[in-house]
Each structure stands twice: as structure tokens, then as C-alpha cells.
Amino acid sequence: MAKEKFEEAMTKLESLVRKMETGEMTLEESLKAFEEGIRLSRLCAARLDEAERRVELLMRENKEISVQPFPENGAKSES
């Protein structure tokens, strides 16, 4: 089976959350949805970790990682 993409997993997770928030699911349906939600959230976290490691490798300079946070609230970084 091919790797599930981050965006697809996130969309499914958001859909599950919306469905669970309606409160119209049976207990059994809620448990299954919760299990699927946990699986999807772990998958998303793993994909984000992979992306972070790739970015760190790309930013590696002189055998030292230069990691800088993204600017918050749309602020421009002063480089």
C-alpha cells in the first residue's frame, strides 16, 4: 500500500472530528472514529517529523544545523 499523504490524512482527520462533534454517532461508531483519528494524527505527526528532518538536512551548514523559527503572525524576518 502506498504511503498516505499528509494532506489526505489531515482532511480525513478534520472530517472525522466534525462528524464526532455533531454528537450523532453511536458509542461503537464513536470508538471506531476515535481509533481512526488516533491513527491519522500519529501519521500526520510522523509526516511532519519527516519534513522537519529533511528541512534540517537542507539547512545544514559546516556540519552545524542552523534552524530558525518561522516568523509569527505574518511578521517578516530581518535577514
C-alpha atoms as a PDB file:
ATOM      1  CA  MET A   1       0.000   0.000   0.000  1.00  0.00           C
ATOM      2  CA  ALA A   2       1.329   3.434  -0.935  1.00  0.00           C
ATOM      3  CA  LYS A   3       2.110   5.957   1.765  1.00  0.00           C
ATOM      4  CA  GLU A   4      -0.876   8.079   2.678  1.00  0.00           C
ATOM      5  CA  LYS A   5      -0.178  11.756   2.026  1.00  0.00           C
ATOM      6  CA  PHE A   6      -0.188  14.270   4.877  1.00  0.00           C
ATOM      7  CA  GLU A   7      -2.863  16.428   3.257  1.00  0.00           C
ATOM      8  CA  GLU A   8      -5.160  13.441   2.693  1.00  0.00           C
ATOM      9  CA  ALA A   9      -4.741  12.249   6.282  1.00  0.00           C
ATOM     10  CA  MET A  10      -5.349  15.745   7.639  1.00  0.00           C
ATOM     11  CA  THR A  11      -8.520  16.135   5.549  1.00  0.00           C
ATOM     12  CA  LYS A  12      -9.815  12.774   6.800  1.00  0.00           C
ATOM     13  CA  LEU A  13      -8.969  13.705  10.384  1.00  0.00           C
ATOM     14  CA  GLU A  14     -10.766  17.049  10.120  1.00  0.00           C
ATOM     15  CA  SER A  15     -13.806  15.306   8.633  1.00  0.00           C
ATOM     16  CA  LEU A  16     -13.846  12.758  11.459  1.00  0.00           C
ATOM     17  CA  VAL A  17     -13.645  15.489  14.076  1.00  0.00           C
ATOM     18  CA  ARG A  18     -16.563  17.384  12.511  1.00  0.00           C
ATOM     19  CA  LYS A  19     -18.632  14.198  12.398  1.00  0.00           C
ATOM     20  CA  MET A  20     -17.837  13.341  16.021  1.00  0.00           C
ATOM     21  CA  GLU A  21     -18.644  16.882  17.167  1.00  0.00           C
ATOM     22  CA  THR A  22     -22.222  16.537  15.922  1.00  0.00           C
ATOM     23  CA  GLY A  23     -22.856  14.045  18.736  1.00  0.00           C
ATOM     24  CA  GLU A  24     -24.990  11.915  16.444  1.00  0.00           C
ATOM     25  CA  MET A  25     -22.748   8.841  16.399  1.00  0.00           C
ATOM     26  CA  THR A  26     -23.374   5.695  18.387  1.00  0.00           C
ATOM     27  CA  LEU A  27     -20.855   4.673  21.014  1.00  0.00           C
ATOM     28  CA  GLU A  28     -19.442   1.994  18.712  1.00  0.00           C
ATOM     29  CA  GLU A  29     -19.170   4.437  15.791  1.00  0.00           C
ATOM     30  CA  SER A  30     -17.508   6.981  18.079  1.00  0.00           C
ATOM     31  CA  LEU A  31     -14.938   4.440  19.273  1.00  0.00           C
ATOM     32  CA  LYS A  32     -14.097   3.416  15.709  1.00  0.00           C
ATOM     33  CA  ALA A  33     -13.842   7.057  14.661  1.00  0.00           C
ATOM     34  CA  PHE A  34     -11.625   7.803  17.672  1.00  0.00           C
ATOM     35  CA  GLU A  35      -9.308   4.892  16.797  1.00  0.00           C
ATOM     36  CA  GLU A  36      -9.082   6.103  13.202  1.00  0.00           C
ATOM     37  CA  GLY A  37      -8.473   9.645  14.432  1.00  0.00           C
ATOM     38  CA  ILE A  38      -5.577   8.478  16.612  1.00  0.00           C
ATOM     39  CA  ARG A  39      -4.081   6.605  13.645  1.00  0.00           C
ATOM     40  CA  LEU A  40      -4.427   9.653  11.410  1.00  0.00           C
ATOM     41  CA  SER A  41      -2.996  12.058  13.995  1.00  0.00           C
ATOM     42  CA  ARG A  42       0.027   9.791  14.500  1.00  0.00           C
ATOM     43  CA  LEU A  43       0.508   9.570  10.750  1.00  0.00           C
ATOM     44  CA  CYS A  44       0.351  13.373  10.435  1.00  0.00           C
ATOM     45  CA  ALA A  45       2.824  13.807  13.298  1.00  0.00           C
ATOM     46  CA  ALA A  46       5.203  11.325  11.663  1.00  0.00           C
ATOM     47  CA  ARG A  47       4.974  13.120   8.298  1.00  0.00           C
ATOM     48  CA  LEU A  48       5.682  16.462  10.000  1.00  0.00           C
ATOM     49  CA  ASP A  49       8.682  14.945  11.792  1.00  0.00           C
ATOM     50  CA  GLU A  50       9.975  13.617   8.461  1.00  0.00           C
ATOM     51  CA  ALA A  51       9.575  17.044   6.865  1.00  0.00           C
ATOM     52  CA  GLU A  52      11.367  18.719   9.775  1.00  0.00           C
ATOM     53  CA  ARG A  53      14.310  16.318   9.453  1.00  0.00           C
ATOM     54  CA  ARG A  54      14.517  16.984   5.706  1.00  0.00           C
ATOM     55  CA  VAL A  55      14.485  20.745   6.260  1.00  0.00           C
ATOM     56  CA  GLU A  56      17.217  20.437   8.891  1.00  0.00           C
ATOM     57  CA  LEU A  57      19.357  18.411   6.485  1.00  0.00           C
ATOM     58  CA  LEU A  58      18.886  21.008   3.771  1.00  0.00           C
ATOM     59  CA  MET A  59      19.832  23.802   6.152  1.00  0.00           C
ATOM     60  CA  ARG A  60      22.965  22.049   7.360  1.00  0.00           C
ATOM     61  CA  GLU A  61      25.986  24.350   7.039  1.00  0.00           C
ATOM     62  CA  ASN A  62      29.538  23.445   8.031  1.00  0.00           C
ATOM     63  CA  LYS A  63      28.342  20.338   9.847  1.00  0.00           C
ATOM     64  CA  GLU A  64      26.166  22.557  12.054  1.00  0.00           C
ATOM     65  CA  ILE A  65      22.431  22.922  11.757  1.00  0.00           C
ATOM     66  CA  SER A  66      21.166  26.448  11.521  1.00  0.00           C
ATOM     67  CA  VAL A  67      17.499  26.257  12.495  1.00  0.00           C
ATOM     68  CA  GLN A  68      15.483  29.441  12.645  1.00  0.00           C
ATOM     69  CA  PRO A  69      11.808  29.630  13.618  1.00  0.00           C
ATOM     70  CA  PHE A  70       9.208  30.833  11.165  1.00  0.00           C
ATOM     71  CA  PRO A  71       8.101  34.400  11.849  1.00  0.00           C
ATOM     72  CA  GLU A  72       4.812  34.564  13.739  1.00  0.00           C
ATOM     73  CA  ASN A  73       1.671  36.480  12.766  1.00  0.00           C
ATOM     74  CA  GLY A  74       2.902  37.250   9.266  1.00  0.00           C
ATOM     75  CA  ALA A  75       5.885  39.236  10.553  1.00  0.00           C
ATOM     76  CA  LYS A  76       8.765  39.462   8.115  1.00  0.00           C
ATOM     77  CA  SER A  77      12.116  38.115   9.238  1.00  0.00           C
ATOM     78  CA  GLU A  78      15.022  40.511   9.226  1.00  0.00           C
ATOM     79  CA  SER A  79      17.693  38.744   7.185  1.00  0.00           C
END
